[in-house]
C-alpha atoms as a PDB file:
ATOM      1  CA  MET A   1     -36.437  32.924 -38.412  1.00  0.00           C
ATOM      2  CA  SER A   2     -33.920  33.278 -35.595  1.00  0.00           C
ATOM      3  CA  ILE A   3     -32.534  36.569 -34.378  1.00  0.00           C
ATOM      4  CA  GLU A   4     -28.771  36.568 -33.919  1.00  0.00           C
ATOM      5  CA  LEU A   5     -26.971  38.349 -31.088  1.00  0.00           C
ATOM      6  CA  GLU A   6     -25.418  41.503 -32.551  1.00  0.00           C
ATOM      7  CA  THR A   7     -21.879  41.097 -31.271  1.00  0.00           C
ATOM      8  CA  GLY A   8     -20.791  44.425 -32.779  1.00  0.00           C
ATOM      9  CA  LEU A   9     -22.953  46.441 -30.375  1.00  0.00           C
ATOM     10  CA  PRO A  10     -21.059  48.109 -27.502  1.00  0.00           C
ATOM     11  CA  SER A  11     -23.536  46.837 -24.891  1.00  0.00           C
ATOM     12  CA  VAL A  12     -23.153  43.222 -26.058  1.00  0.00           C
ATOM     13  CA  ARG A  13     -19.357  43.530 -26.076  1.00  0.00           C
ATOM     14  CA  GLN A  14     -19.357  45.051 -22.566  1.00  0.00           C
ATOM     15  CA  ILE A  15     -21.494  42.207 -21.224  1.00  0.00           C
ATOM     16  CA  GLN A  16     -19.215  39.641 -22.903  1.00  0.00           C
ATOM     17  CA  THR A  17     -16.223  41.283 -21.196  1.00  0.00           C
ATOM     18  CA  LEU A  18     -17.973  41.137 -17.809  1.00  0.00           C
ATOM     19  CA  ILE A  19     -18.771  37.450 -18.380  1.00  0.00           C
ATOM     20  CA  ARG A  20     -15.192  36.660 -19.423  1.00  0.00           C
ATOM     21  CA  GLU A  21     -13.706  38.565 -16.452  1.00  0.00           C
ATOM     22  CA  GLU A  22     -16.276  37.003 -14.059  1.00  0.00           C
ATOM     23  CA  ARG A  23     -17.038  40.453 -12.642  1.00  0.00           C
ATOM     24  CA  GLU A  24     -19.889  40.888 -10.211  1.00  0.00           C
ATOM     25  CA  VAL A  25     -22.685  43.139 -11.444  1.00  0.00           C
ATOM     26  CA  GLU A  26     -25.779  44.815 -10.105  1.00  0.00           C
ATOM     27  CA  LEU A  27     -28.963  44.720 -12.179  1.00  0.00           C
ATOM     28  CA  LYS A  28     -31.935  46.952 -11.382  1.00  0.00           C
ATOM     29  CA  LEU A  29     -35.204  45.580 -12.758  1.00  0.00           C
ATOM     30  CA  ILE A  30     -38.427  47.325 -13.725  1.00  0.00           C
ATOM     31  CA  THR A  31     -40.032  45.575 -10.738  1.00  0.00           C
ATOM     32  CA  ASN A  32     -37.624  47.583  -8.541  1.00  0.00           C
ATOM     33  CA  ASP A  33     -35.767  44.354  -7.610  1.00  0.00           C
ATOM     34  CA  LEU A  34     -31.992  44.485  -7.377  1.00  0.00           C
ATOM     35  CA  ILE A  35     -30.086  41.406  -8.577  1.00  0.00           C
ATOM     36  CA  THR A  36     -26.409  40.986  -7.721  1.00  0.00           C
ATOM     37  CA  GLY A  37     -24.146  38.285  -9.090  1.00  0.00           C
ATOM     38  CA  LYS A  38     -21.939  37.206 -11.961  1.00  0.00           C
ATOM     39  CA  MET A  39     -23.289  36.995 -15.475  1.00  0.00           C
ATOM     40  CA  ARG A  40     -22.831  33.556 -17.011  1.00  0.00           C
ATOM     41  CA  TRP A  41     -24.267  33.969 -20.502  1.00  0.00           C
ATOM     42  CA  GLN A  42     -26.370  36.189 -22.721  1.00  0.00           C
ATOM     43  CA  ASP A  43     -28.511  35.685 -25.762  1.00  0.00           C
ATOM     44  CA  GLN A  44     -30.648  38.044 -27.811  1.00  0.00           C
ATOM     45  CA  HIS A  45     -33.474  37.916 -25.231  1.00  0.00           C
ATOM     46  CA  CYS A  46     -32.018  37.105 -21.813  1.00  0.00           C
ATOM     47  CA  ILE A  47     -29.057  37.342 -19.457  1.00  0.00           C
ATOM     48  CA  CYS A  48     -28.235  34.696 -16.846  1.00  0.00           C
ATOM     49  CA  VAL A  49     -26.910  35.856 -13.466  1.00  0.00           C
ATOM     50  CA  VAL A  50     -25.549  33.503 -10.776  1.00  0.00           C
ATOM     51  CA  ASP A  51     -25.674  34.757  -7.172  1.00  0.00           C
ATOM     52  CA  HIS A  52     -23.487  33.968  -4.142  1.00  0.00           C
ATOM     53  CA  TYR A  53     -25.534  30.814  -3.455  1.00  0.00           C
ATOM     54  CA  ASP A  54     -24.890  29.522  -6.994  1.00  0.00           C
ATOM     55  CA  GLN A  55     -28.554  30.172  -7.831  1.00  0.00           C
ATOM     56  CA  GLN A  56     -29.126  31.009 -11.510  1.00  0.00           C
ATOM     57  CA  THR A  57     -31.606  33.707 -12.497  1.00  0.00           C
ATOM     58  CA  VAL A  58     -32.545  34.243 -16.140  1.00  0.00           C
ATOM     59  CA  ILE A  59     -33.571  37.853 -16.730  1.00  0.00           C
ATOM     60  CA  TRP A  60     -35.309  39.166 -19.825  1.00  0.00           C
ATOM     61  CA  ARG A  61     -33.369  42.111 -21.266  1.00  0.00           C
ATOM     62  CA  SER A  62     -36.605  44.112 -21.454  1.00  0.00           C
ATOM     63  CA  ALA A  63     -36.917  43.864 -17.647  1.00  0.00           C
ATOM     64  CA  ILE A  64     -33.573  45.577 -16.971  1.00  0.00           C
ATOM     65  CA  VAL A  65     -33.530  49.251 -16.004  1.00  0.00           C
ATOM     66  CA  TYR A  66     -29.756  49.425 -15.587  1.00  0.00           C
ATOM     67  CA  MET A  67     -26.692  47.277 -15.090  1.00  0.00           C
ATOM     68  CA  LYS A  68     -23.437  48.280 -13.451  1.00  0.00           C
ATOM     69  CA  PRO A  69     -20.291  46.433 -12.461  1.00  0.00           C
ATOM     70  CA  LYS A  70     -19.646  46.241  -8.722  1.00  0.00           C
ATOM     71  CA  LEU A  71     -16.412  47.785  -7.538  1.00  0.00           C
END
């Protein structure tokens, strides 16, 4: 059984907008790490962020404390 991404949820739609607009974001993790970059994709479990060095980081949604777009 696969779990589908619930595209009707406001959080999923906001992330899709940030991906489409290629906006830089800041993610605070439960480990107290701060990840900055552009989100490339999301699925029901993870979000992929690419930093300034073109390094991809796949982050489990459950590890995220908050996410905010950079100004």
